[in-house]
Amino acid sequence: MKIASVKDVKDNLSRYLKNAEKGDVIITKNGRPTAVLHHLGEDELEDYLLEHDPRFRQKIERRWKDYLKSGGRSLEQVLKELGD
C-alpha cells in the first residue's frame, strides 16, 4: 500500500493507476487521508456497484432481519424444495 498527496497523484496519475494494480493507494490532502485509489478489474465492476448501492444494502438488511425473525429454513427444507 502506498500513500501519496493529491498533488502528486494529480501530477502522476498514470503511474499511480499502474501502482493501484498492485495495491491500494491512500491519497492525502494536507497530510490527512481523504481517498483510496483502488484497482477495479473488469469482472469486479458489477460486484463493486452492488456493494456500494445503499438501496441494495438496505434490501439485504431487511431480508436478513426477516430471516432472523422467521427462523429461516433448514438445509433439508431447502433441498426438498429444490428437488420438487
N, C-alpha and C. Protein backbone atom coordinates (compact mmCIF):
# COMPACT_ATOMS: atom_id res chain seq x y z
N MET A 1 0.85 -1.16 0.00
CA MET A 1 0.00 0.00 0.00
C MET A 1 0.90 1.24 0.00
N LYS A 2 0.55 2.19 -0.82
CA LYS A 2 1.30 3.43 -0.92
C LYS A 2 0.45 4.58 -0.39
N ILE A 3 1.14 5.64 -0.01
CA ILE A 3 0.47 6.86 0.43
C ILE A 3 1.02 7.99 -0.42
N ALA A 4 0.12 8.83 -0.95
CA ALA A 4 0.54 9.92 -1.82
C ALA A 4 -0.37 11.12 -1.62
N SER A 5 0.18 12.28 -1.87
CA SER A 5 -0.62 13.51 -1.77
C SER A 5 -1.48 13.69 -3.01
N VAL A 6 -2.52 14.47 -2.87
CA VAL A 6 -3.40 14.78 -4.01
C VAL A 6 -2.59 15.37 -5.15
N LYS A 7 -1.69 16.30 -4.82
CA LYS A 7 -0.88 16.95 -5.85
C LYS A 7 -0.03 15.94 -6.60
N ASP A 8 0.62 15.03 -5.86
CA ASP A 8 1.47 14.03 -6.50
C ASP A 8 0.66 13.10 -7.40
N VAL A 9 -0.51 12.68 -6.91
CA VAL A 9 -1.37 11.81 -7.73
C VAL A 9 -1.84 12.55 -8.97
N LYS A 10 -2.21 13.81 -8.79
CA LYS A 10 -2.66 14.61 -9.93
C LYS A 10 -1.56 14.75 -10.98
N ASP A 11 -0.33 14.99 -10.52
CA ASP A 11 0.79 15.17 -11.44
C ASP A 11 1.26 13.87 -12.08
N ASN A 12 0.97 12.74 -11.45
CA ASN A 12 1.48 11.45 -11.93
C ASN A 12 0.38 10.39 -11.96
N LEU A 13 -0.78 10.76 -12.44
CA LEU A 13 -1.94 9.86 -12.38
C LEU A 13 -1.68 8.51 -13.04
N SER A 14 -1.11 8.49 -14.20
CA SER A 14 -0.87 7.22 -14.90
C SER A 14 -0.01 6.28 -14.06
N ARG A 15 1.02 6.82 -13.43
CA ARG A 15 1.90 6.00 -12.60
C ARG A 15 1.12 5.43 -11.40
N TYR A 16 0.28 6.25 -10.79
CA TYR A 16 -0.48 5.77 -9.63
C TYR A 16 -1.57 4.78 -10.03
N LEU A 17 -2.14 4.94 -11.21
CA LEU A 17 -3.10 3.94 -11.69
C LEU A 17 -2.41 2.58 -11.85
N LYS A 18 -1.20 2.59 -12.36
CA LYS A 18 -0.43 1.35 -12.51
C LYS A 18 -0.07 0.79 -11.13
N ASN A 19 0.30 1.66 -10.18
CA ASN A 19 0.61 1.22 -8.81
C ASN A 19 -0.61 0.60 -8.15
N ALA A 20 -1.78 1.13 -8.44
CA ALA A 20 -3.01 0.63 -7.81
C ALA A 20 -3.32 -0.80 -8.24
N GLU A 21 -2.77 -1.23 -9.36
CA GLU A 21 -2.96 -2.63 -9.79
C GLU A 21 -2.29 -3.58 -8.81
N LYS A 22 -1.26 -3.12 -8.11
CA LYS A 22 -0.52 -3.95 -7.15
C LYS A 22 -1.05 -3.81 -5.73
N GLY A 23 -1.68 -2.68 -5.44
CA GLY A 23 -2.21 -2.44 -4.09
C GLY A 23 -2.83 -1.06 -4.00
N ASP A 24 -3.67 -0.87 -3.02
CA ASP A 24 -4.35 0.41 -2.86
C ASP A 24 -3.37 1.55 -2.64
N VAL A 25 -3.78 2.74 -3.07
CA VAL A 25 -3.01 3.95 -2.84
C VAL A 25 -3.88 4.88 -1.99
N ILE A 26 -3.40 5.23 -0.81
CA ILE A 26 -4.10 6.16 0.06
C ILE A 26 -3.72 7.56 -0.40
N ILE A 27 -4.72 8.39 -0.68
CA ILE A 27 -4.47 9.75 -1.14
C ILE A 27 -4.74 10.69 0.03
N THR A 28 -3.76 11.58 0.26
CA THR A 28 -3.88 12.51 1.38
C THR A 28 -4.05 13.94 0.88
N LYS A 29 -4.72 14.73 1.70
CA LYS A 29 -4.88 16.15 1.44
C LYS A 29 -4.50 16.86 2.73
N ASN A 30 -3.53 17.73 2.65
CA ASN A 30 -3.00 18.41 3.84
C ASN A 30 -2.55 17.40 4.89
N GLY A 31 -1.97 16.29 4.42
CA GLY A 31 -1.44 15.28 5.32
C GLY A 31 -2.45 14.33 5.93
N ARG A 32 -3.72 14.48 5.58
CA ARG A 32 -4.76 13.61 6.13
C ARG A 32 -5.35 12.73 5.03
N PRO A 33 -5.62 11.47 5.36
CA PRO A 33 -6.21 10.58 4.35
C PRO A 33 -7.56 11.12 3.88
N THR A 34 -7.76 11.10 2.58
CA THR A 34 -9.02 11.62 2.04
C THR A 34 -9.69 10.67 1.04
N ALA A 35 -8.90 9.77 0.43
CA ALA A 35 -9.47 8.87 -0.57
C ALA A 35 -8.55 7.67 -0.76
N VAL A 36 -9.08 6.67 -1.46
CA VAL A 36 -8.30 5.48 -1.78
C VAL A 36 -8.42 5.24 -3.28
N LEU A 37 -7.29 5.03 -3.91
CA LEU A 37 -7.26 4.65 -5.31
C LEU A 37 -7.14 3.13 -5.32
N HIS A 38 -8.17 2.48 -5.82
CA HIS A 38 -8.26 1.02 -5.75
C HIS A 38 -8.46 0.47 -7.16
N HIS A 39 -7.63 -0.49 -7.53
CA HIS A 39 -7.76 -1.11 -8.85
C HIS A 39 -9.08 -1.87 -8.94
N LEU A 40 -9.75 -1.72 -10.04
CA LEU A 40 -11.02 -2.39 -10.27
C LEU A 40 -10.96 -3.10 -11.60
N GLY A 41 -10.91 -4.43 -11.55
CA GLY A 41 -10.87 -5.22 -12.78
C GLY A 41 -12.24 -5.24 -13.44
N GLU A 42 -12.22 -5.58 -14.71
CA GLU A 42 -13.46 -5.61 -15.49
C GLU A 42 -14.53 -6.49 -14.85
N ASP A 43 -14.12 -7.64 -14.33
CA ASP A 43 -15.08 -8.58 -13.76
C ASP A 43 -15.52 -8.20 -12.35
N GLU A 44 -14.95 -7.14 -11.78
CA GLU A 44 -15.30 -6.70 -10.43
C GLU A 44 -16.29 -5.54 -10.41
N LEU A 45 -16.55 -4.95 -11.54
CA LEU A 45 -17.38 -3.75 -11.59
C LEU A 45 -18.78 -3.97 -11.04
N GLU A 46 -19.45 -5.02 -11.48
CA GLU A 46 -20.82 -5.27 -11.03
C GLU A 46 -20.87 -5.49 -9.52
N ASP A 47 -19.94 -6.27 -8.99
CA ASP A 47 -19.89 -6.50 -7.55
C ASP A 47 -19.67 -5.19 -6.80
N TYR A 48 -18.76 -4.37 -7.28
CA TYR A 48 -18.47 -3.09 -6.63
C TYR A 48 -19.72 -2.21 -6.59
N LEU A 49 -20.40 -2.12 -7.73
CA LEU A 49 -21.59 -1.27 -7.80
C LEU A 49 -22.68 -1.75 -6.84
N LEU A 50 -22.88 -3.06 -6.77
CA LEU A 50 -23.89 -3.60 -5.85
C LEU A 50 -23.50 -3.37 -4.39
N GLU A 51 -22.25 -3.63 -4.06
CA GLU A 51 -21.79 -3.48 -2.68
C GLU A 51 -21.91 -2.05 -2.18
N HIS A 52 -21.84 -1.08 -3.08
CA HIS A 52 -21.86 0.32 -2.68
C HIS A 52 -23.18 1.02 -2.99
N ASP A 53 -24.18 0.26 -3.35
CA ASP A 53 -25.51 0.82 -3.62
C ASP A 53 -26.32 0.80 -2.32
N PRO A 54 -26.64 1.97 -1.76
CA PRO A 54 -27.35 2.00 -0.47
C PRO A 54 -28.71 1.28 -0.53
N ARG A 55 -29.40 1.36 -1.64
CA ARG A 55 -30.70 0.68 -1.75
C ARG A 55 -30.54 -0.83 -1.68
N PHE A 56 -29.51 -1.35 -2.33
CA PHE A 56 -29.26 -2.78 -2.31
C PHE A 56 -28.89 -3.23 -0.89
N ARG A 57 -28.05 -2.46 -0.22
CA ARG A 57 -27.66 -2.80 1.16
C ARG A 57 -28.87 -2.79 2.09
N GLN A 58 -29.76 -1.82 1.92
CA GLN A 58 -30.97 -1.76 2.75
C GLN A 58 -31.84 -2.99 2.51
N LYS A 59 -31.95 -3.38 1.25
CA LYS A 59 -32.74 -4.56 0.91
C LYS A 59 -32.17 -5.82 1.57
N ILE A 60 -30.86 -5.97 1.52
CA ILE A 60 -30.20 -7.11 2.15
C ILE A 60 -30.44 -7.09 3.66
N GLU A 61 -30.30 -5.92 4.28
CA GLU A 61 -30.51 -5.81 5.73
C GLU A 61 -31.94 -6.15 6.11
N ARG A 62 -32.92 -5.70 5.31
CA ARG A 62 -34.33 -6.02 5.58
C ARG A 62 -34.56 -7.53 5.49
N ARG A 63 -34.02 -8.11 4.42
CA ARG A 63 -34.19 -9.56 4.24
C ARG A 63 -33.54 -10.33 5.38
N TRP A 64 -32.38 -9.89 5.85
CA TRP A 64 -31.69 -10.57 6.94
C TRP A 64 -32.52 -10.49 8.21
N LYS A 65 -33.10 -9.31 8.49
CA LYS A 65 -33.95 -9.16 9.68
C LYS A 65 -35.17 -10.06 9.58
N ASP A 66 -35.78 -10.13 8.40
CA ASP A 66 -36.93 -11.03 8.19
C ASP A 66 -36.53 -12.48 8.43
N TYR A 67 -35.37 -12.83 7.92
CA TYR A 67 -34.86 -14.19 8.10
C TYR A 67 -34.68 -14.51 9.59
N LEU A 68 -34.08 -13.59 10.32
CA LEU A 68 -33.85 -13.82 11.75
C LEU A 68 -35.17 -13.93 12.52
N LYS A 69 -36.17 -13.13 12.13
CA LYS A 69 -37.49 -13.19 12.79
C LYS A 69 -38.18 -14.52 12.54
N SER A 70 -38.12 -14.97 11.31
CA SER A 70 -38.86 -16.19 10.94
C SER A 70 -38.11 -17.46 11.32
N GLY A 71 -36.83 -17.33 11.62
CA GLY A 71 -36.05 -18.51 11.98
C GLY A 71 -35.45 -19.21 10.78
N GLY A 72 -35.77 -18.75 9.60
CA GLY A 72 -35.18 -19.33 8.39
C GLY A 72 -35.68 -20.73 8.11
N ARG A 73 -35.01 -21.41 7.20
CA ARG A 73 -35.36 -22.79 6.85
C ARG A 73 -34.12 -23.66 6.97
N SER A 74 -34.33 -24.90 7.28
CA SER A 74 -33.21 -25.82 7.40
C SER A 74 -32.69 -26.18 6.01
N LEU A 75 -31.48 -26.68 5.97
CA LEU A 75 -30.91 -27.13 4.71
C LEU A 75 -31.76 -28.23 4.10
N GLU A 76 -32.28 -29.11 4.92
CA GLU A 76 -33.12 -30.20 4.42
C GLU A 76 -34.37 -29.65 3.73
N GLN A 77 -34.97 -28.60 4.32
CA GLN A 77 -36.16 -27.99 3.71
C GLN A 77 -35.82 -27.39 2.34
N VAL A 78 -34.72 -26.69 2.28
CA VAL A 78 -34.32 -26.06 1.01
C VAL A 78 -34.05 -27.13 -0.04
N LEU A 79 -33.33 -28.18 0.32
CA LEU A 79 -33.03 -29.25 -0.64
C LEU A 79 -34.30 -29.93 -1.11
N LYS A 80 -35.25 -30.13 -0.19
CA LYS A 80 -36.51 -30.74 -0.57
C LYS A 80 -37.26 -29.86 -1.57
N GLU A 81 -37.31 -28.55 -1.32
CA GLU A 81 -37.99 -27.63 -2.23
C GLU A 81 -37.30 -27.60 -3.59
N LEU A 82 -36.00 -27.67 -3.61
CA LEU A 82 -35.27 -27.66 -4.89
C LEU A 82 -35.51 -28.94 -5.67
N GLY A 83 -35.74 -30.04 -4.96
CA GLY A 83 -35.97 -31.32 -5.60
C GLY A 83 -37.34 -31.43 -6.23
N ASP A 84 -38.29 -30.65 -5.79
CA ASP A 84 -39.66 -30.71 -6.32
C ASP A 84 -39.78 -30.07 -7.66
